[in-house]
Amino acid sequence: MTAGAQVTTVDVREVVLSNSSFGPQEIQGIIRAIAEDASRYAVLRDAVNELSARGEQTPASAVRLGVCCYLLGRYGQAEQTLAKADGGAVAHFYLGKTKAELGKYQEAITCYESARTAGYDADACALAIAEAYRSAGNAQQALAILDQMFGPVEQTADYLYQRGATVAAIGGNPQEVVALFERAVDTDRRHSGALFGLAVENDRRGNDEEALQLYQRAAECYPTYIGALLNLGVLYEDFQKYDLAQQCYLRILEQFPGHPRAHLYLKDASASRDMFYDEEALKRQDRLTQILSVPVSDFELSVRSRNCLQRMGVRTLGDLARTTEAELLSSKNFGETSLVEIRDMLTSKGLQLGQFAHERPEQEQPVDLSHLSDEEQALLNRPISDLNLSVRARKCMVRLGLTSIGELVRKTGDDLLECKNFGVTSLNEVKEKLTQYNLKLRGE
């Protein structure tokens, strides 16, 4: 029987409520069935409610109930149920996945190690441990684990995705990140993590159409990344498709009724539906602004060109488009060869040197940095991407042409609130991120 046939014949209710075997194969069968037909999510939900209503569970049925609660996003119930399960490999592994979703990364790692000892697939456990370390902020440890994995696993979508996400987390080569995500998607066209990661990379570079398609594909996967639905909703809003945006936020709220960001985004989308914008003009401007914000470090440049741009404080394509050929040639050790290289790079994005030289911003009033430590002042030169903002907040930064943390702290809250689709929720998010570094917006 083919994999496709298995998807169409899986009886989700039977798998959940029967006393037959329940392991990785059955779990993947449920996942594939819902990915194929979203209506089966309701079947899973109802079956889990029925199983839960039976009262006290046996150790074996607790595994079934706990895993299915995890698949529904009921992480609190899943954690409690799996902790009372049979102590087998499946219970340990999915208790680990549940704890990771709850942010208990070290406990998750312990569970994955127990699952491996109990006989769960060693590669799956290693990848899960690497993901937990990365999620906990220890991307170097995650990379060390991935570096120790050899053989067929290196060609799997899960491995390629984890490696791409880890390289991205340590600030590695963006082109390598994209290539890894693309290979993962080529290997498994329904890999939600790789689709989401690839969508974010395209979104960041201003490839809105490609990002939209990838977010849509990620949203069709199951379990669905909450981030994919949020980001897809934001992109729908940018395309003035407010009804579709609302559907994304409602999908989140169906599973997580108290999700604060989905509630607020839904409210914003409802309010925006009645507002008029020159859609095409906005789309063109947004795309150009996103392209101008792409860091020059994303491109393969010679050492001489890279050093010159660094000395001149040129960080983005926008900085280059505001710089003339004469200014580049006046820089020490910068010659015609480097000039041709820079021209070609800009041409690939439809830009020219000096194209926006007339739009150079006026010199801003200096900001008093005397109260900041040397480390905090060094933060000001770091890219805004280091703040790990949500898509909605990040798009505001792009529209305002802000590329560094230093440029951001020169803005007031009112400056940010003037940006389309940027509300109080996003403003509070920005403030919270800055507070982590002891920084504030202007006037705070």
Protein backbone atom coordinates (compact mmCIF):
# COMPACT_ATOMS: atom_id res chain seq x y z
CA MET A 1 0.00 0.00 0.00
CA THR A 2 1.38 3.42 -0.88
CA ALA A 3 1.94 6.22 1.62
CA GLY A 4 -0.77 8.23 -0.08
CA ALA A 5 -3.27 5.39 0.31
CA GLN A 6 -2.46 5.14 4.02
CA VAL A 7 -3.26 8.81 4.45
CA THR A 8 -6.73 8.48 2.95
CA THR A 9 -7.68 5.33 4.90
CA VAL A 10 -6.51 6.24 8.41
CA ASP A 11 -9.41 6.17 10.85
CA VAL A 12 -8.30 8.78 13.39
CA ARG A 13 -11.09 7.94 15.82
CA GLU A 14 -10.27 4.24 15.70
CA VAL A 15 -6.57 4.86 16.33
CA VAL A 16 -7.33 7.04 19.36
CA LEU A 17 -10.02 4.89 21.00
CA SER A 18 -8.97 1.33 20.15
CA ASN A 19 -6.78 -0.94 22.25
CA SER A 20 -4.48 -1.74 19.34
CA SER A 21 -0.79 -0.89 19.24
CA PHE A 22 0.10 2.79 19.48
CA GLY A 23 3.57 3.94 18.50
CA PRO A 24 5.47 6.25 16.12
CA GLN A 25 3.77 4.75 13.05
CA GLU A 26 0.27 5.35 14.41
CA ILE A 27 1.17 8.85 15.57
CA GLN A 28 2.52 9.76 12.14
CA GLY A 29 -0.63 8.28 10.61
CA ILE A 30 -2.77 10.72 12.63
CA ILE A 31 -0.54 13.62 11.64
CA ARG A 32 -0.62 12.73 7.94
CA ALA A 33 -4.39 12.22 8.01
CA ILE A 34 -5.06 15.68 9.45
CA ALA A 35 -2.55 17.28 7.06
CA GLU A 36 -4.46 15.65 4.20
CA ASP A 37 -7.90 16.65 5.51
CA ALA A 38 -8.15 19.44 8.10
CA SER A 39 -11.65 18.30 9.11
CA ARG A 40 -10.03 15.31 10.82
CA TYR A 41 -8.70 17.70 13.46
CA ALA A 42 -12.26 17.85 14.87
CA VAL A 43 -12.41 14.05 14.76
CA LEU A 44 -9.18 13.87 16.79
CA ARG A 45 -10.47 16.46 19.26
CA ASP A 46 -13.75 14.65 19.81
CA ALA A 47 -12.03 11.27 20.16
CA VAL A 48 -9.61 12.66 22.72
CA ASN A 49 -12.50 14.18 24.68
CA GLU A 50 -14.21 10.80 24.69
CA LEU A 51 -11.06 8.99 25.79
CA SER A 52 -10.46 11.54 28.53
CA ALA A 53 -14.05 11.20 29.76
CA ARG A 54 -13.51 7.50 30.45
CA GLY A 55 -11.86 8.47 33.70
CA GLU A 56 -8.67 7.03 35.12
CA GLN A 57 -6.32 5.76 32.43
CA THR A 58 -4.19 2.65 32.39
CA PRO A 59 -0.46 3.30 31.86
CA ALA A 60 -0.86 2.23 28.23
CA SER A 61 -3.94 4.34 27.50
CA ALA A 62 -2.25 7.28 29.23
CA VAL A 63 0.40 7.20 26.51
CA ARG A 64 -2.28 7.34 23.82
CA LEU A 65 -4.18 10.14 25.57
CA GLY A 66 -1.05 12.15 26.41
CA VAL A 67 0.36 12.04 22.89
CA CYS A 68 -2.98 13.01 21.38
CA CYS A 69 -3.30 15.91 23.84
CA TYR A 70 0.13 17.03 22.66
CA LEU A 71 -1.05 16.88 19.04
CA LEU A 72 -4.03 19.08 19.99
CA GLY A 73 -1.80 21.62 21.70
CA ARG A 74 -3.15 20.80 25.16
CA TYR A 75 0.32 20.82 26.63
CA GLY A 76 -0.65 21.07 30.31
CA GLN A 77 -2.90 18.01 30.11
CA ALA A 78 -0.34 16.19 27.96
CA GLU A 79 2.40 16.78 30.52
CA GLN A 80 0.31 15.51 33.42
CA THR A 81 -0.95 12.48 31.52
CA LEU A 82 2.38 11.37 30.05
CA ALA A 83 4.07 11.71 33.44
CA LYS A 84 1.69 8.95 34.66
CA ALA A 85 2.09 6.78 31.57
CA ASP A 86 3.92 3.50 31.16
CA GLY A 87 7.43 4.98 31.20
CA GLY A 88 8.18 3.59 27.78
CA ALA A 89 10.13 5.14 24.92
CA VAL A 90 7.12 6.85 23.28
CA ALA A 91 5.94 8.33 26.59
CA HIS A 92 9.39 9.74 27.37
CA PHE A 93 9.84 11.17 23.88
CA TYR A 94 6.49 12.96 23.72
CA LEU A 95 6.79 14.12 27.30
CA GLY A 96 10.02 15.74 26.11
CA LYS A 97 8.28 17.38 23.17
CA THR A 98 5.54 18.62 25.50
CA LYS A 99 8.01 20.10 27.98
CA ALA A 100 9.85 21.79 25.11
CA GLU A 101 6.59 23.44 24.04
CA LEU A 102 6.18 24.65 27.62
CA GLY A 103 9.68 26.13 27.61
CA LYS A 104 11.10 23.53 30.03
CA TYR A 105 14.06 22.76 27.80
CA GLN A 106 16.40 21.08 30.29
CA GLU A 107 13.60 18.78 31.45
CA ALA A 108 12.84 18.05 27.79
CA ILE A 109 16.46 17.05 27.18
CA THR A 110 16.32 14.66 30.14
CA CYS A 111 13.15 13.09 28.71
CA TYR A 112 14.73 12.66 25.26
CA GLU A 113 17.76 10.98 26.83
CA SER A 114 15.43 8.62 28.72
CA ALA A 115 13.55 7.89 25.49
CA ARG A 116 16.81 7.00 23.74
CA THR A 117 17.78 4.69 26.62
CA ALA A 118 14.35 3.06 26.41
CA GLY A 119 14.85 2.29 22.73
CA TYR A 120 13.35 5.25 20.84
CA ASP A 121 15.07 6.10 17.55
CA ALA A 122 18.49 7.48 18.51
CA ASP A 123 18.67 9.97 15.63
CA ALA A 124 15.22 11.37 16.42
CA CYS A 125 16.26 11.83 20.04
CA ALA A 126 19.52 13.52 19.08
CA LEU A 127 17.71 15.94 16.76
CA ALA A 128 15.16 16.71 19.48
CA ILE A 129 17.94 17.36 22.00
CA ALA A 130 19.68 19.68 19.54
CA GLU A 131 16.42 21.56 19.01
CA ALA A 132 15.92 21.93 22.76
CA TYR A 133 19.42 23.35 23.21
CA ARG A 134 18.85 25.81 20.35
CA SER A 135 15.48 26.87 21.74
CA ALA A 136 17.11 27.41 25.12
CA GLY A 137 19.63 29.80 23.52
CA ASN A 138 22.58 27.40 23.33
CA ALA A 139 22.92 27.11 19.56
CA GLN A 140 26.62 26.16 19.75
CA GLN A 141 25.80 23.05 21.78
CA ALA A 142 23.05 22.22 19.30
CA LEU A 143 25.51 22.51 16.42
CA ALA A 144 28.01 20.28 18.24
CA ILE A 145 25.34 17.57 18.51
CA LEU A 146 24.45 17.89 14.82
CA ASP A 147 28.15 17.72 13.87
CA GLN A 148 28.38 14.34 15.59
CA MET A 149 25.59 12.82 13.51
CA PHE A 150 26.60 10.84 10.44
CA GLY A 151 25.08 8.58 7.83
CA PRO A 152 21.63 8.57 6.19
CA VAL A 153 20.19 10.92 8.83
CA GLU A 154 22.21 13.77 7.29
CA GLN A 155 20.00 13.60 4.19
CA THR A 156 16.69 13.67 6.07
CA ALA A 157 14.44 16.72 6.13
CA ASP A 158 14.51 16.83 9.94
CA TYR A 159 18.30 16.98 10.06
CA LEU A 160 18.58 19.54 7.27
CA TYR A 161 15.96 21.73 8.96
CA GLN A 162 17.60 21.53 12.38
CA ARG A 163 20.97 22.37 10.90
CA GLY A 164 19.54 25.33 8.96
CA ALA A 165 17.75 26.68 12.03
CA THR A 166 20.89 26.26 14.13
CA VAL A 167 23.16 27.98 11.61
CA ALA A 168 20.65 30.84 11.52
CA ALA A 169 20.60 31.02 15.33
CA ILE A 170 24.38 31.44 15.54
CA GLY A 171 24.34 34.12 12.84
CA GLY A 172 25.88 31.97 10.12
CA ASN A 173 25.90 32.47 6.36
CA PRO A 174 22.31 33.31 5.28
CA GLN A 175 22.86 31.60 1.94
CA GLU A 176 23.78 28.37 3.72
CA VAL A 177 20.64 28.67 5.85
CA VAL A 178 18.43 29.06 2.78
CA ALA A 179 20.17 26.19 0.99
CA LEU A 180 19.61 23.86 3.96
CA PHE A 181 15.94 24.78 4.24
CA GLU A 182 15.48 24.31 0.49
CA ARG A 183 17.09 20.87 0.63
CA ALA A 184 14.80 19.96 3.54
CA VAL A 185 11.73 21.02 1.56
CA ASP A 186 12.96 19.13 -1.51
CA THR A 187 13.25 16.04 0.69
CA ASP A 188 9.86 16.51 2.37
CA ARG A 189 7.56 19.04 0.72
CA ARG A 190 5.36 19.05 3.84
CA HIS A 191 8.05 19.69 6.44
CA SER A 192 6.44 22.48 8.45
CA GLY A 193 9.65 23.68 10.11
CA ALA A 194 11.63 23.95 6.89
CA LEU A 195 8.74 25.66 5.08
CA PHE A 196 8.37 28.14 7.92
CA GLY A 197 12.12 28.81 8.08
CA LEU A 198 12.34 29.31 4.32
CA ALA A 199 9.30 31.60 4.41
CA VAL A 200 10.90 33.75 7.12
CA GLU A 201 14.15 34.05 5.13
CA ASN A 202 12.22 35.17 2.03
CA ASP A 203 10.06 37.48 4.12
CA ARG A 204 13.15 39.13 5.57
CA ARG A 205 14.55 39.74 2.08
CA GLY A 206 11.36 41.31 0.76
CA ASN A 207 10.34 38.36 -1.41
CA ASP A 208 6.70 38.76 -0.40
CA GLU A 209 5.13 36.55 -3.07
CA GLU A 210 7.50 33.66 -2.37
CA ALA A 211 7.14 34.12 1.38
CA LEU A 212 3.35 34.12 1.06
CA GLN A 213 3.33 30.83 -0.83
CA LEU A 214 5.69 29.22 1.68
CA TYR A 215 3.68 30.43 4.67
CA GLN A 216 0.54 29.06 3.00
CA ARG A 217 2.20 25.68 2.55
CA ALA A 218 3.44 25.71 6.16
CA ALA A 219 -0.07 26.56 7.36
CA GLU A 220 -1.40 23.47 5.57
CA CYS A 221 0.94 21.21 7.57
CA TYR A 222 0.01 19.58 10.84
CA PRO A 223 0.80 20.32 13.60
CA THR A 224 0.90 23.89 12.29
CA TYR A 225 3.47 26.40 13.53
CA ILE A 226 1.69 29.21 15.35
CA GLY A 227 4.35 31.54 13.93
CA ALA A 228 3.41 30.47 10.40
CA LEU A 229 -0.23 31.44 10.96
CA LEU A 230 0.69 34.75 12.59
CA ASN A 231 3.13 35.69 9.84
CA LEU A 232 0.75 34.55 7.10
CA GLY A 233 -1.97 36.70 8.64
CA VAL A 234 0.33 39.72 8.66
CA LEU A 235 1.23 39.16 5.01
CA TYR A 236 -2.45 38.81 4.11
CA GLU A 237 -3.02 42.17 5.79
CA ASP A 238 -0.19 43.66 3.71
CA PHE A 239 -1.99 42.37 0.62
CA GLN A 240 -5.25 43.88 1.95
CA LYS A 241 -6.77 40.39 2.33
CA TYR A 242 -8.21 41.02 5.76
CA ASP A 243 -10.75 38.18 5.68
CA LEU A 244 -7.97 35.66 5.07
CA ALA A 245 -5.88 37.27 7.81
CA GLN A 246 -8.76 36.88 10.24
CA GLN A 247 -9.07 33.20 9.34
CA CYS A 248 -5.41 32.69 10.29
CA TYR A 249 -5.87 34.32 13.68
CA LEU A 250 -9.11 32.41 14.29
CA ARG A 251 -7.32 29.13 13.60
CA ILE A 252 -4.86 29.97 16.36
CA LEU A 253 -7.63 30.92 18.76
CA GLU A 254 -9.51 27.69 18.05
CA GLN A 255 -6.55 25.77 19.47
CA PHE A 256 -5.28 28.38 21.95
CA PRO A 257 -8.27 30.53 22.99
CA GLY A 258 -6.17 32.74 25.24
CA HIS A 259 -3.40 33.53 22.73
CA PRO A 260 -2.91 37.29 23.34
CA ARG A 261 -1.21 38.20 20.08
CA ALA A 262 -3.77 36.36 17.95
CA HIS A 263 -6.57 38.19 19.80
CA LEU A 264 -5.02 41.59 19.16
CA TYR A 265 -4.08 40.83 15.55
CA LEU A 266 -7.63 39.68 14.92
CA LYS A 267 -8.92 42.96 16.32
CA ASP A 268 -6.49 44.96 14.16
CA ALA A 269 -7.42 43.01 11.02
CA SER A 270 -11.12 43.60 11.67
CA ALA A 271 -10.54 47.33 12.09
CA SER A 272 -8.31 47.57 9.03
CA ARG A 273 -10.82 45.84 6.75
CA ASP A 274 -12.79 49.07 6.37
CA MET A 275 -9.76 51.29 5.73
CA PHE A 276 -8.66 52.20 2.19
CA TYR A 277 -5.08 52.05 0.99
CA ASP A 278 -3.52 52.42 -2.43
CA GLU A 279 -2.68 48.72 -2.43
CA GLU A 280 -0.35 48.60 -5.42
CA ALA A 281 1.58 51.68 -4.36
CA LEU A 282 1.97 50.32 -0.84
CA LYS A 283 3.11 46.94 -2.11
CA ARG A 284 5.71 48.51 -4.38
CA GLN A 285 6.97 50.77 -1.63
CA ASP A 286 7.10 47.95 0.92
CA ARG A 287 8.99 45.71 -1.45
CA LEU A 288 11.53 48.43 -2.25
CA THR A 289 11.97 49.28 1.43
CA GLN A 290 12.53 45.63 2.31
CA ILE A 291 15.11 45.25 -0.45
CA LEU A 292 16.92 48.39 0.72
CA SER A 293 17.12 46.94 4.24
CA VAL A 294 18.88 43.72 3.13
CA PRO A 295 22.37 43.61 4.75
CA VAL A 296 25.31 43.64 2.35
CA SER A 297 26.69 40.78 4.46
CA ASP A 298 24.10 38.55 2.77
CA PHE A 299 26.18 38.73 -0.42
CA GLU A 300 29.46 37.08 -1.30
CA LEU A 301 31.89 40.00 -1.65
CA SER A 302 35.64 40.16 -1.90
CA VAL A 303 37.55 40.97 1.28
CA ARG A 304 38.61 44.33 -0.15
CA SER A 305 35.05 45.38 -0.97
CA ARG A 306 33.73 44.13 2.35
CA ASN A 307 36.39 46.00 4.33
CA CYS A 308 35.75 49.20 2.42
CA LEU A 309 32.02 49.10 3.02
CA GLN A 310 32.60 48.38 6.69
CA ARG A 311 34.92 51.40 7.03
CA MET A 312 32.34 53.62 5.37
CA GLY A 313 29.55 52.40 7.64
CA VAL A 314 27.63 50.88 4.72
CA ARG A 315 25.52 48.07 6.18
CA THR A 316 22.59 47.67 3.79
CA LEU A 317 21.70 47.88 0.11
CA GLY A 318 19.91 51.12 0.98
CA ASP A 319 23.15 52.59 2.33
CA LEU A 320 24.81 51.65 -0.97
CA ALA A 321 22.01 53.14 -3.07
CA ARG A 322 22.54 56.40 -1.16
CA THR A 323 26.28 56.30 -1.86
CA THR A 324 27.79 57.61 -5.09
CA GLU A 325 30.51 55.98 -7.19
CA ALA A 326 32.81 58.89 -6.44
CA GLU A 327 32.42 58.36 -2.70
CA LEU A 328 33.28 54.69 -3.02
CA LEU A 329 36.30 55.35 -5.22
CA SER A 330 37.57 57.92 -2.75
CA SER A 331 37.80 55.22 -0.09
CA LYS A 332 41.26 53.80 0.57
CA ASN A 333 42.14 50.67 -1.48
CA PHE A 334 38.81 50.73 -3.34
CA GLY A 335 39.27 50.46 -7.11
CA GLU A 336 37.44 49.74 -10.34
CA THR A 337 37.33 45.98 -9.72
CA SER A 338 35.50 46.47 -6.43
CA LEU A 339 33.25 49.06 -8.07
CA VAL A 340 32.16 46.59 -10.75
CA GLU A 341 31.49 43.99 -8.06
CA ILE A 342 29.28 46.41 -6.11
CA ARG A 343 27.45 47.51 -9.27
CA ASP A 344 26.66 43.89 -10.16
CA MET A 345 25.36 43.21 -6.67
CA LEU A 346 23.02 46.20 -6.81
CA THR A 347 21.90 45.42 -10.36
CA SER A 348 20.82 41.94 -9.25
CA LYS A 349 18.29 43.70 -6.99
CA GLY A 350 17.27 46.36 -9.53
CA LEU A 351 19.27 49.13 -7.83
CA GLN A 352 22.07 51.55 -8.77
CA LEU A 353 24.78 53.37 -6.92
CA GLY A 354 23.68 56.87 -5.93
CA GLN A 355 20.08 56.13 -6.89
CA PHE A 356 18.80 57.55 -3.61
CA ALA A 357 21.67 59.88 -2.77
CA HIS A 358 19.18 62.77 -2.71
CA GLU A 359 17.22 61.05 0.03
CA ARG A 360 19.94 60.99 2.64
CA PRO A 361 18.36 61.64 6.00
CA GLU A 362 19.11 64.86 7.76
CA GLN A 363 21.60 64.65 10.58
CA GLU A 364 19.69 63.67 13.68
CA GLN A 365 20.27 65.29 17.03
CA PRO A 366 22.78 63.25 19.01
CA VAL A 367 21.42 60.89 21.62
CA ASP A 368 22.91 61.01 25.11
CA LEU A 369 24.64 57.67 25.58
CA SER A 370 26.60 58.60 28.69
CA HIS A 371 24.39 56.44 30.91
CA LEU A 372 25.17 53.32 28.86
CA SER A 373 28.02 50.92 29.51
CA ASP A 374 30.57 50.14 26.80
CA GLU A 375 28.75 46.86 26.12
CA GLU A 376 25.40 48.63 25.80
CA GLN A 377 26.86 51.23 23.46
CA ALA A 378 28.28 48.40 21.33
CA LEU A 379 24.75 47.04 21.06
CA LEU A 380 23.69 50.10 19.11
CA ASN A 381 25.67 48.96 16.06
CA ARG A 382 24.06 45.53 16.03
CA PRO A 383 21.28 44.79 13.48
CA ILE A 384 17.67 44.97 14.57
CA SER A 385 17.32 41.31 13.61
CA ASP A 386 19.23 40.49 16.81
CA LEU A 387 16.11 41.53 18.74
CA ASN A 388 14.16 38.60 17.21
CA LEU A 389 11.04 40.69 16.69
CA SER A 390 7.77 39.28 15.39
CA VAL A 391 7.02 39.69 11.70
CA ARG A 392 4.58 42.55 12.31
CA ALA A 393 7.12 44.53 14.35
CA ARG A 394 9.94 43.67 11.95
CA LYS A 395 7.95 44.93 8.98
CA CYS A 396 7.50 48.25 10.73
CA MET A 397 11.28 48.48 11.13
CA VAL A 398 11.66 47.79 7.43
CA ARG A 399 9.07 50.40 6.43
CA LEU A 400 10.80 53.00 8.58
CA GLY A 401 14.18 52.10 7.07
CA LEU A 402 15.64 51.09 10.44
CA THR A 403 18.45 48.57 10.27
CA SER A 404 20.36 48.91 13.55
CA ILE A 405 19.36 48.97 17.20
CA GLY A 406 20.92 52.42 17.45
CA GLU A 407 18.57 53.75 14.77
CA LEU A 408 15.62 52.21 16.59
CA VAL A 409 16.33 53.87 19.95
CA ARG A 410 16.37 57.24 18.21
CA LYS A 411 12.67 56.79 17.47
CA THR A 412 9.82 57.57 19.82
CA GLY A 413 6.86 55.31 20.45
CA ASP A 414 4.68 57.72 18.46
CA ASP A 415 7.09 57.45 15.50
CA LEU A 416 6.58 53.67 15.44
CA LEU A 417 2.81 53.86 15.93
CA GLU A 418 2.51 55.92 12.75
CA CYS A 419 3.63 52.87 10.75
CA LYS A 420 0.89 50.87 8.97
CA ASN A 421 -0.30 47.76 10.83
CA PHE A 422 1.83 48.63 13.88
CA GLY A 423 -0.12 48.89 17.12
CA VAL A 424 0.31 49.04 20.86
CA THR A 425 1.00 45.30 21.07
CA SER A 426 3.97 45.59 18.71
CA LEU A 427 5.15 48.74 20.50
CA ASN A 428 5.15 46.91 23.83
CA GLU A 429 7.03 44.04 22.20
CA VAL A 430 9.74 46.42 20.97
CA LYS A 431 9.99 48.05 24.39
CA GLU A 432 10.30 44.67 26.11
CA LYS A 433 13.05 43.54 23.73
CA LEU A 434 14.99 46.77 24.31
CA THR A 435 14.53 46.50 28.06
CA GLN A 436 16.35 43.16 27.98
CA TYR A 437 19.43 45.14 26.90
CA ASN A 438 18.77 48.09 29.25
CA LEU A 439 17.80 50.25 26.27
CA LYS A 440 14.76 52.45 25.69
CA LEU A 441 13.07 54.31 22.87
CA ARG A 442 13.67 58.04 22.60
CA GLY A 443 11.70 59.99 25.17
CA GLU A 444 11.01 56.97 27.41
